């Protein structure tokens, strides 16, 4: 009786569990081999885009989309090996996609915004931008988010929809930009002489554009005296170098011309 029971158990295991085990082994092998194949196809796809000299931003976006598509196909193939009907899976996936789409509308909005960013191209990888409340260099434009390295070297990820729905300032698009500073003068100072001295000083600073030439003009008057608008032009890559050098130039011109300090305006209380 014990022998018969053991034989029955073995027969049940062989008839039921062994096919399932073989399916699991086949699914694992397919997933493992498929991963290698996907990596090879991604590498070949990337080389093809490099040979065709496709823009870096577009190439990364297409490569990420291609990777998601291949992994989805591999996942469906693994389900087929396990004996799960792909037609049923497709129906479940469609229903789940509808539910997820309603619940994750923000994620889909980021995806749609990513497509528009790729088509309209307001910026590309390597550009410095001011968008979505972040200023920095674009490192990657993904399916749902854009990666930006800020000026203080923080790795920041911003949703594509936040970028696309806000004003985008591409600081790298134009060959130069303007530095805006002010110089407060005291009453009675020779404005023309100070402005000329400051223009000459600015023209010697590294990174300042000769064309257009630095601008030093009378901006306004306040109770302390006249105010000069100090505006050199430079490439975006050296903006902060020129910014701080211009501040130092203002200080040097004030010292060299022995300018008196501007008096602070006195507030008079109205009775």
C-alpha atoms as a PDB file:
ATOM      1  CA  UNK A   1       0.000   0.000   0.000  1.00  0.00           C
ATOM      2  CA  UNK A   2       2.855   2.375   0.857  1.00  0.00           C
ATOM      3  CA  UNK A   3       4.567   1.529  -2.432  1.00  0.00           C
ATOM      4  CA  UNK A   4       1.366   2.249  -4.303  1.00  0.00           C
ATOM      5  CA  UNK A   5       0.940   5.574  -2.536  1.00  0.00           C
ATOM      6  CA  UNK A   6       4.530   6.583  -3.314  1.00  0.00           C
ATOM      7  CA  UNK A   7       4.041   5.618  -6.942  1.00  0.00           C
ATOM      8  CA  UNK A   8       0.878   7.672  -7.072  1.00  0.00           C
ATOM      9  CA  UNK A   9       2.644  10.697  -5.648  1.00  0.00           C
ATOM     10  CA  UNK A  10       5.468  10.337  -8.165  1.00  0.00           C
ATOM     11  CA  UNK A  11       2.961  10.055 -10.983  1.00  0.00           C
ATOM     12  CA  UNK A  12       1.184  13.228  -9.846  1.00  0.00           C
ATOM     13  CA  UNK A  13       4.492  15.103  -9.592  1.00  0.00           C
ATOM     14  CA  UNK A  14       5.638  13.944 -13.010  1.00  0.00           C
ATOM     15  CA  UNK A  15       2.271  14.661 -14.602  1.00  0.00           C
ATOM     16  CA  UNK A  16       1.690  18.097 -13.092  1.00  0.00           C
ATOM     17  CA  UNK A  17       4.675  19.701 -11.428  1.00  0.00           C
ATOM     18  CA  UNK A  18       7.386  18.684 -13.895  1.00  0.00           C
ATOM     19  CA  UNK A  19       5.826  20.513 -16.888  1.00  0.00           C
ATOM     20  CA  UNK A  20       5.427  23.621 -14.732  1.00  0.00           C
ATOM     21  CA  UNK A  21       9.060  23.391 -13.661  1.00  0.00           C
ATOM     22  CA  UNK A  22      10.186  23.072 -17.289  1.00  0.00           C
ATOM     23  CA  UNK A  23       8.092  26.117 -18.177  1.00  0.00           C
ATOM     24  CA  UNK A  24       9.668  28.129 -15.357  1.00  0.00           C
ATOM     25  CA  UNK A  25      13.146  27.099 -16.471  1.00  0.00           C
ATOM     26  CA  UNK A  26      12.313  28.004 -20.070  1.00  0.00           C
ATOM     27  CA  UNK A  27      10.881  31.370 -19.003  1.00  0.00           C
ATOM     28  CA  UNK A  28      13.972  32.175 -16.924  1.00  0.00           C
ATOM     29  CA  UNK A  29      16.295  31.180 -19.792  1.00  0.00           C
ATOM     30  CA  UNK A  30      14.259  33.266 -22.228  1.00  0.00           C
ATOM     31  CA  UNK A  31      14.374  36.290 -19.895  1.00  0.00           C
ATOM     32  CA  UNK A  32      18.126  35.904 -19.394  1.00  0.00           C
ATOM     33  CA  UNK A  33      18.939  35.375 -23.075  1.00  0.00           C
ATOM     34  CA  UNK A  34      16.445  38.062 -24.104  1.00  0.00           C
ATOM     35  CA  UNK A  35      18.197  40.547 -21.826  1.00  0.00           C
ATOM     36  CA  UNK A  36      21.491  39.924 -23.630  1.00  0.00           C
ATOM     37  CA  UNK A  37      19.779  40.253 -27.010  1.00  0.00           C
ATOM     38  CA  UNK A  38      18.109  43.525 -25.999  1.00  0.00           C
ATOM     39  CA  UNK A  39      21.424  44.974 -24.841  1.00  0.00           C
ATOM     40  CA  UNK A  40      23.004  43.976 -28.138  1.00  0.00           C
ATOM     41  CA  UNK A  41      20.150  45.486 -30.142  1.00  0.00           C
ATOM     42  CA  UNK A  42      20.345  48.704 -28.103  1.00  0.00           C
ATOM     43  CA  UNK A  43      24.065  48.955 -28.747  1.00  0.00           C
ATOM     44  CA  UNK A  44      23.543  48.365 -32.472  1.00  0.00           C
ATOM     45  CA  UNK A  45      20.724  50.894 -32.536  1.00  0.00           C
ATOM     46  CA  UNK A  46      22.906  53.457 -30.772  1.00  0.00           C
ATOM     47  CA  UNK A  47      25.781  52.849 -33.227  1.00  0.00           C
ATOM     48  CA  UNK A  48      23.417  53.242 -36.160  1.00  0.00           C
ATOM     49  CA  UNK A  49      22.213  56.616 -34.879  1.00  0.00           C
ATOM     50  CA  UNK A  50      25.817  57.690 -34.266  1.00  0.00           C
ATOM     51  CA  UNK A  51      26.800  56.735 -37.816  1.00  0.00           C
ATOM     52  CA  UNK A  52      23.817  58.619 -39.199  1.00  0.00           C
ATOM     53  CA  UNK A  53      24.805  61.610 -37.011  1.00  0.00           C
ATOM     54  CA  UNK A  54      21.393  61.865 -35.385  1.00  0.00           C
ATOM     55  CA  UNK A  55      21.172  64.621 -32.789  1.00  0.00           C
ATOM     56  CA  UNK A  56      22.232  63.493 -29.299  1.00  0.00           C
ATOM     57  CA  UNK A  57      18.976  64.554 -27.653  1.00  0.00           C
ATOM     58  CA  UNK A  58      16.810  62.739 -30.178  1.00  0.00           C
ATOM     59  CA  UNK A  59      19.112  59.690 -30.144  1.00  0.00           C
ATOM     60  CA  UNK A  60      18.774  59.239 -26.381  1.00  0.00           C
ATOM     61  CA  UNK A  61      15.018  59.622 -26.544  1.00  0.00           C
ATOM     62  CA  UNK A  62      14.683  57.056 -29.352  1.00  0.00           C
ATOM     63  CA  UNK A  63      17.022  54.637 -27.593  1.00  0.00           C
ATOM     64  CA  UNK A  64      14.964  54.808 -24.382  1.00  0.00           C
ATOM     65  CA  UNK A  65      11.725  54.230 -26.335  1.00  0.00           C
ATOM     66  CA  UNK A  66      13.307  51.337 -28.239  1.00  0.00           C
ATOM     67  CA  UNK A  67      14.416  49.749 -24.954  1.00  0.00           C
ATOM     68  CA  UNK A  68      10.917  49.954 -23.447  1.00  0.00           C
ATOM     69  CA  UNK A  69       9.383  48.446 -26.592  1.00  0.00           C
ATOM     70  CA  UNK A  70      11.828  45.494 -26.655  1.00  0.00           C
ATOM     71  CA  UNK A  71      11.332  44.731 -22.957  1.00  0.00           C
ATOM     72  CA  UNK A  72       7.573  44.753 -23.430  1.00  0.00           C
ATOM     73  CA  UNK A  73       7.901  42.225 -26.284  1.00  0.00           C
ATOM     74  CA  UNK A  74      10.194  40.066 -24.134  1.00  0.00           C
ATOM     75  CA  UNK A  75       7.719  40.158 -21.260  1.00  0.00           C
ATOM     76  CA  UNK A  76       4.895  39.010 -23.552  1.00  0.00           C
ATOM     77  CA  UNK A  77       7.123  36.198 -24.889  1.00  0.00           C
ATOM     78  CA  UNK A  78       7.892  35.034 -21.336  1.00  0.00           C
ATOM     79  CA  UNK A  79       4.180  34.924 -20.557  1.00  0.00           C
ATOM     80  CA  UNK A  80       3.647  32.781 -23.671  1.00  0.00           C
ATOM     81  CA  UNK A  81       6.282  30.300 -22.497  1.00  0.00           C
ATOM     82  CA  UNK A  82       4.533  30.085 -19.130  1.00  0.00           C
ATOM     83  CA  UNK A  83       1.315  29.203 -20.945  1.00  0.00           C
ATOM     84  CA  UNK A  84      -0.500  32.462 -20.301  1.00  0.00           C
ATOM     85  CA  UNK A  85      -2.579  33.484 -23.316  1.00  0.00           C
ATOM     86  CA  UNK A  86      -1.219  36.707 -24.746  1.00  0.00           C
ATOM     87  CA  UNK A  87      -4.654  37.676 -26.056  1.00  0.00           C
ATOM     88  CA  UNK A  88      -5.984  37.587 -22.517  1.00  0.00           C
ATOM     89  CA  UNK A  89      -2.918  39.489 -21.367  1.00  0.00           C
ATOM     90  CA  UNK A  90      -3.466  42.106 -24.060  1.00  0.00           C
ATOM     91  CA  UNK A  91      -7.047  42.624 -22.906  1.00  0.00           C
ATOM     92  CA  UNK A  92      -5.950  42.855 -19.276  1.00  0.00           C
ATOM     93  CA  UNK A  93      -3.152  45.223 -20.274  1.00  0.00           C
ATOM     94  CA  UNK A  94      -5.584  47.438 -22.165  1.00  0.00           C
ATOM     95  CA  UNK A  95      -7.965  47.571 -19.194  1.00  0.00           C
ATOM     96  CA  UNK A  96      -5.091  48.191 -16.809  1.00  0.00           C
ATOM     97  CA  UNK A  97      -3.736  50.852 -19.122  1.00  0.00           C
ATOM     98  CA  UNK A  98      -7.080  52.653 -19.080  1.00  0.00           C
ATOM     99  CA  UNK A  99      -7.248  52.514 -15.282  1.00  0.00           C
ATOM    100  CA  UNK A 100      -3.631  53.611 -14.930  1.00  0.00           C
ATOM    101  CA  UNK A 101      -4.195  56.365 -17.463  1.00  0.00           C
ATOM    102  CA  UNK A 102      -7.026  57.794 -15.394  1.00  0.00           C
ATOM    103  CA  UNK A 103      -5.102  57.459 -12.137  1.00  0.00           C
ATOM    104  CA  UNK A 104      -1.744  58.574 -13.525  1.00  0.00           C
ATOM    105  CA  UNK A 105      -2.826  61.375 -15.814  1.00  0.00           C
ATOM    106  CA  UNK A 106       0.175  63.398 -14.690  1.00  0.00           C
ATOM    107  CA  UNK A 107       2.541  60.654 -15.863  1.00  0.00           C
ATOM    108  CA  UNK A 108       0.890  60.552 -19.277  1.00  0.00           C
ATOM    109  CA  UNK A 109       1.038  64.355 -19.431  1.00  0.00           C
ATOM    110  CA  UNK A 110       4.785  64.137 -18.824  1.00  0.00           C
ATOM    111  CA  UNK A 111       5.071  61.576 -21.632  1.00  0.00           C
ATOM    112  CA  UNK A 112       3.099  63.760 -24.049  1.00  0.00           C
ATOM    113  CA  UNK A 113       5.156  66.812 -23.066  1.00  0.00           C
ATOM    114  CA  UNK A 114       8.326  64.812 -23.733  1.00  0.00           C
ATOM    115  CA  UNK A 115       7.130  64.140 -27.273  1.00  0.00           C
ATOM    116  CA  UNK A 116       6.460  67.833 -27.831  1.00  0.00           C
ATOM    117  CA  UNK A 117       9.889  68.722 -26.434  1.00  0.00           C
ATOM    118  CA  UNK A 118      11.457  66.386 -28.985  1.00  0.00           C
ATOM    119  CA  UNK A 119       9.409  67.804 -31.877  1.00  0.00           C
ATOM    120  CA  UNK A 120       9.589  71.514 -31.057  1.00  0.00           C
ATOM    121  CA  UNK A 121      13.174  71.365 -29.702  1.00  0.00           C
ATOM    122  CA  UNK A 122      13.232  74.412 -27.397  1.00  0.00           C
ATOM    123  CA  UNK A 123      16.495  73.029 -25.988  1.00  0.00           C
ATOM    124  CA  UNK A 124      18.797  70.035 -26.349  1.00  0.00           C
ATOM    125  CA  UNK A 125      21.276  68.092 -24.258  1.00  0.00           C
ATOM    126  CA  UNK A 126      24.159  70.341 -23.198  1.00  0.00           C
ATOM    127  CA  UNK A 127      22.161  73.596 -23.241  1.00  0.00           C
ATOM    128  CA  UNK A 128      21.840  75.734 -20.122  1.00  0.00           C
ATOM    129  CA  UNK A 129      18.205  76.597 -19.481  1.00  0.00           C
ATOM    130  CA  UNK A 130      15.999  78.376 -16.969  1.00  0.00           C
ATOM    131  CA  UNK A 131      12.725  76.458 -16.824  1.00  0.00           C
ATOM    132  CA  UNK A 132      10.423  74.878 -14.270  1.00  0.00           C
ATOM    133  CA  UNK A 133      12.072  76.857 -11.495  1.00  0.00           C
ATOM    134  CA  UNK A 134      15.482  75.297 -12.223  1.00  0.00           C
ATOM    135  CA  UNK A 135      18.582  76.851 -13.799  1.00  0.00           C
ATOM    136  CA  UNK A 136      21.233  74.483 -15.067  1.00  0.00           C
ATOM    137  CA  UNK A 137      22.669  72.339 -17.856  1.00  0.00           C
ATOM    138  CA  UNK A 138      20.464  69.714 -19.524  1.00  0.00           C
ATOM    139  CA  UNK A 139      22.018  66.252 -19.167  1.00  0.00           C
ATOM    140  CA  UNK A 140      19.215  64.026 -20.450  1.00  0.00           C
ATOM    141  CA  UNK A 141      15.701  64.296 -21.878  1.00  0.00           C
ATOM    142  CA  UNK A 142      13.784  61.156 -20.935  1.00  0.00           C
ATOM    143  CA  UNK A 143      10.352  59.774 -21.696  1.00  0.00           C
ATOM    144  CA  UNK A 144       8.807  61.364 -18.612  1.00  0.00           C
ATOM    145  CA  UNK A 145      11.399  63.704 -17.084  1.00  0.00           C
ATOM    146  CA  UNK A 146      14.418  65.840 -17.939  1.00  0.00           C
ATOM    147  CA  UNK A 147      17.636  65.683 -15.932  1.00  0.00           C
ATOM    148  CA  UNK A 148      19.338  69.006 -15.180  1.00  0.00           C
ATOM    149  CA  UNK A 149      22.587  69.731 -13.343  1.00  0.00           C
ATOM    150  CA  UNK A 150      22.116  73.031 -11.516  1.00  0.00           C
ATOM    151  CA  UNK A 151      24.754  75.748 -11.106  1.00  0.00           C
ATOM    152  CA  UNK A 152      25.603  74.452  -7.622  1.00  0.00           C
ATOM    153  CA  UNK A 153      26.066  70.940  -9.129  1.00  0.00           C
ATOM    154  CA  UNK A 154      22.830  69.378  -7.894  1.00  0.00           C
ATOM    155  CA  UNK A 155      21.415  66.526  -9.989  1.00  0.00           C
ATOM    156  CA  UNK A 156      17.786  67.602 -10.525  1.00  0.00           C
ATOM    157  CA  UNK A 157      15.009  65.683 -12.296  1.00  0.00           C
ATOM    158  CA  UNK A 158      12.074  67.774 -13.534  1.00  0.00           C
ATOM    159  CA  UNK A 159       8.856  66.411 -15.056  1.00  0.00           C
ATOM    160  CA  UNK A 160       8.558  67.171 -18.775  1.00  0.00           C
ATOM    161  CA  UNK A 161       5.064  68.604 -18.319  1.00  0.00           C
ATOM    162  CA  UNK A 162       6.344  71.135 -15.756  1.00  0.00           C
ATOM    163  CA  UNK A 163       9.030  72.244 -18.211  1.00  0.00           C
ATOM    164  CA  UNK A 164       6.733  72.407 -21.224  1.00  0.00           C
ATOM    165  CA  UNK A 165       3.932  74.252 -19.424  1.00  0.00           C
ATOM    166  CA  UNK A 166       6.291  76.936 -18.092  1.00  0.00           C
ATOM    167  CA  UNK A 167       8.387  79.611 -19.783  1.00  0.00           C
ATOM    168  CA  UNK A 168      11.637  78.149 -21.112  1.00  0.00           C
ATOM    169  CA  UNK A 169      14.681  80.418 -21.309  1.00  0.00           C
ATOM    170  CA  UNK A 170      17.471  78.828 -23.342  1.00  0.00           C
ATOM    171  CA  UNK A 171      20.612  80.582 -22.127  1.00  0.00           C
ATOM    172  CA  UNK A 172      22.811  78.796 -24.691  1.00  0.00           C
ATOM    173  CA  UNK A 173      20.785  79.611 -27.799  1.00  0.00           C
ATOM    174  CA  UNK A 174      22.330  83.035 -28.508  1.00  0.00           C
ATOM    175  CA  UNK A 175      26.060  83.705 -28.921  1.00  0.00           C
ATOM    176  CA  UNK A 176      26.179  86.165 -25.998  1.00  0.00           C
ATOM    177  CA  UNK A 177      24.151  87.601 -23.129  1.00  0.00           C
ATOM    178  CA  UNK A 178      24.202  90.802 -21.098  1.00  0.00           C
ATOM    179  CA  UNK A 179      25.380  91.290 -17.521  1.00  0.00           C
ATOM    180  CA  UNK A 180      23.247  93.882 -15.690  1.00  0.00           C
ATOM    181  CA  UNK A 181      24.829  95.754 -12.794  1.00  0.00           C
ATOM    182  CA  UNK A 182      24.551  99.235 -11.291  1.00  0.00           C
ATOM    183  CA  UNK A 183      27.036 101.788  -9.921  1.00  0.00           C
ATOM    184  CA  UNK A 184      25.791 104.264  -7.357  1.00  0.00           C
ATOM    185  CA  UNK A 185      27.522 107.680  -7.510  1.00  0.00           C
ATOM    186  CA  UNK A 186      27.445 110.600  -5.125  1.00  0.00           C
ATOM    187  CA  UNK A 187      25.977 113.970  -6.058  1.00  0.00           C
ATOM    188  CA  UNK A 188      28.449 116.243  -7.827  1.00  0.00           C
ATOM    189  CA  UNK A 189      30.567 113.450  -9.367  1.00  0.00           C
ATOM    190  CA  UNK A 190      31.649 113.867 -13.002  1.00  0.00           C
ATOM    191  CA  UNK A 191      29.380 111.242 -14.566  1.00  0.00           C
ATOM    192  CA  UNK A 192      30.957 111.414 -18.049  1.00  0.00           C
ATOM    193  CA  UNK A 193      34.503 110.880 -16.753  1.00  0.00           C
ATOM    194  CA  UNK A 194      33.506 107.961 -14.519  1.00  0.00           C
ATOM    195  CA  UNK A 195      31.496 106.304 -17.312  1.00  0.00           C
ATOM    196  CA  UNK A 196      34.415 106.607 -19.746  1.00  0.00           C
ATOM    197  CA  UNK A 197      36.871 105.176 -17.217  1.00  0.00           C
ATOM    198  CA  UNK A 198      34.541 102.272 -16.481  1.00  0.00           C
ATOM    199  CA  UNK A 199      34.037 101.472 -20.198  1.00  0.00           C
ATOM    200  CA  UNK A 200      37.797 101.350 -20.709  1.00  0.00           C
ATOM    201  CA  UNK A 201      38.186  99.091 -17.685  1.00  0.00           C
ATOM    202  CA  UNK A 202      35.425  96.725 -18.816  1.00  0.00           C
ATOM    203  CA  UNK A 203      36.912  96.361 -22.300  1.00  0.00           C
ATOM    204  CA  UNK A 204      40.052  94.799 -20.749  1.00  0.00           C
ATOM    205  CA  UNK A 205      38.208  92.116 -18.747  1.00  0.00           C
ATOM    206  CA  UNK A 206      38.610  88.519 -19.983  1.00  0.00           C
ATOM    207  CA  UNK A 207      35.447  87.193 -21.592  1.00  0.00           C
ATOM    208  CA  UNK A 208      33.815  90.566 -22.295  1.00  0.00           C
ATOM    209  CA  UNK A 209      32.608  90.857 -25.891  1.00  0.00           C
ATOM    210  CA  UNK A 210      34.166  93.658 -27.983  1.00  0.00           C
ATOM    211  CA  UNK A 211      31.038  93.685 -30.146  1.00  0.00           C
ATOM    212  CA  UNK A 212      28.635  94.759 -28.813  1.00  0.00           C
ATOM    213  CA  UNK A 213      30.866  96.944 -26.680  1.00  0.00           C
ATOM    214  CA  UNK A 214      30.261  97.310 -22.929  1.00  0.00           C
ATOM    215  CA  UNK A 215      27.564  99.858 -22.136  1.00  0.00           C
ATOM    216  CA  UNK A 216      27.846 102.330 -19.252  1.00  0.00           C
ATOM    217  CA  UNK A 217      24.992 104.846 -19.255  1.00  0.00           C
ATOM    218  CA  UNK A 218      23.155 107.078 -16.826  1.00  0.00           C
ATOM    219  CA  UNK A 219      20.210 105.025 -15.612  1.00  0.00           C
ATOM    220  CA  UNK A 220      18.432 107.159 -13.008  1.00  0.00           C
ATOM    221  CA  UNK A 221      18.749 109.549 -10.087  1.00  0.00           C
ATOM    222  CA  UNK A 222      17.893 108.875  -6.473  1.00  0.00           C
ATOM    223  CA  UNK A 223      18.395 110.802  -3.240  1.00  0.00           C
ATOM    224  CA  UNK A 224      21.970 109.518  -2.948  1.00  0.00           C
ATOM    225  CA  UNK A 225      22.932 110.670  -6.439  1.00  0.00           C
ATOM    226  CA  UNK A 226      23.113 109.403 -10.035  1.00  0.00           C
ATOM    227  CA  UNK A 227      23.083 105.690 -10.852  1.00  0.00           C
ATOM    228  CA  UNK A 228      24.988 104.183 -13.785  1.00  0.00           C
ATOM    229  CA  UNK A 229      23.796 101.091 -15.654  1.00  0.00           C
ATOM    230  CA  UNK A 230      26.860  98.869 -16.186  1.00  0.00           C
ATOM    231  CA  UNK A 231      26.228  96.315 -18.948  1.00  0.00           C
ATOM    232  CA  UNK A 232      29.036  94.246 -20.479  1.00  0.00           C
ATOM    233  CA  UNK A 233      28.235  91.411 -22.887  1.00  0.00           C
ATOM    234  CA  UNK A 234      29.741  87.918 -22.712  1.00  0.00           C
ATOM    235  CA  UNK A 235      29.239  84.281 -23.654  1.00  0.00           C
ATOM    236  CA  UNK A 236      27.003  82.286 -21.326  1.00  0.00           C
ATOM    237  CA  UNK A 237      29.863  79.948 -20.337  1.00  0.00           C
ATOM    238  CA  UNK A 238      31.770  82.814 -18.684  1.00  0.00           C
ATOM    239  CA  UNK A 239      28.774  84.774 -17.417  1.00  0.00           C
ATOM    240  CA  UNK A 240      29.566  84.496 -13.710  1.00  0.00           C
ATOM    241  CA  UNK A 241      33.273  85.167 -14.260  1.00  0.00           C
ATOM    242  CA  UNK A 242      32.390  88.407 -16.040  1.00  0.00           C
ATOM    243  CA  UNK A 243      29.729  89.225 -13.433  1.00  0.00           C
ATOM    244  CA  UNK A 244      32.177  89.122 -10.526  1.00  0.00           C
ATOM    245  CA  UNK A 245      34.977  90.757 -12.548  1.00  0.00           C
ATOM    246  CA  UNK A 246      32.618  93.633 -13.397  1.00  0.00           C
ATOM    247  CA  UNK A 247      31.834  94.168  -9.734  1.00  0.00           C
ATOM    248  CA  UNK A 248      35.568  94.316  -9.054  1.00  0.00           C
ATOM    249  CA  UNK A 249      36.013  96.758 -11.960  1.00  0.00           C
ATOM    250  CA  UNK A 250      33.367  99.056 -10.479  1.00  0.00           C
ATOM    251  CA  UNK A 251      35.232  99.015  -7.179  1.00  0.00           C
ATOM    252  CA  UNK A 252      38.584  99.672  -8.887  1.00  0.00           C
ATOM    253  CA  UNK A 253      37.245 102.639 -10.877  1.00  0.00           C
ATOM    254  CA  UNK A 254      35.729 104.150  -7.730  1.00  0.00           C
ATOM    255  CA  UNK A 255      39.055 103.792  -5.933  1.00  0.00           C
ATOM    256  CA  UNK A 256      41.217 105.066  -8.820  1.00  0.00           C
ATOM    257  CA  UNK A 257      39.028 108.136  -9.302  1.00  0.00           C
ATOM    258  CA  UNK A 258      38.814 108.740  -5.540  1.00  0.00           C
ATOM    259  CA  UNK A 259      35.053 108.937  -5.684  1.00  0.00           C
ATOM    260  CA  UNK A 260      33.351 109.963  -2.451  1.00  0.00           C
ATOM    261  CA  UNK A 261      30.925 107.402  -1.027  1.00  0.00           C
ATOM    262  CA  UNK A 262      27.316 108.008  -1.923  1.00  0.00           C
ATOM    263  CA  UNK A 263      25.233 109.204   0.981  1.00  0.00           C
ATOM    264  CA  UNK A 264      22.386 107.025   2.050  1.00  0.00           C
ATOM    265  CA  UNK A 265      19.018 108.630   1.366  1.00  0.00           C
ATOM    266  CA  UNK A 266      17.352 110.006   4.492  1.00  0.00           C
ATOM    267  CA  UNK A 267      13.757 108.979   5.019  1.00  0.00           C
ATOM    268  CA  UNK A 268      11.584 111.865   6.199  1.00  0.00           C
ATOM    269  CA  UNK A 269       8.526 110.860   8.135  1.00  0.00           C
ATOM    270  CA  UNK A 270       5.397 112.621   6.942  1.00  0.00           C
ATOM    271  CA  UNK A 271       3.357 114.273   9.668  1.00  0.00           C
END
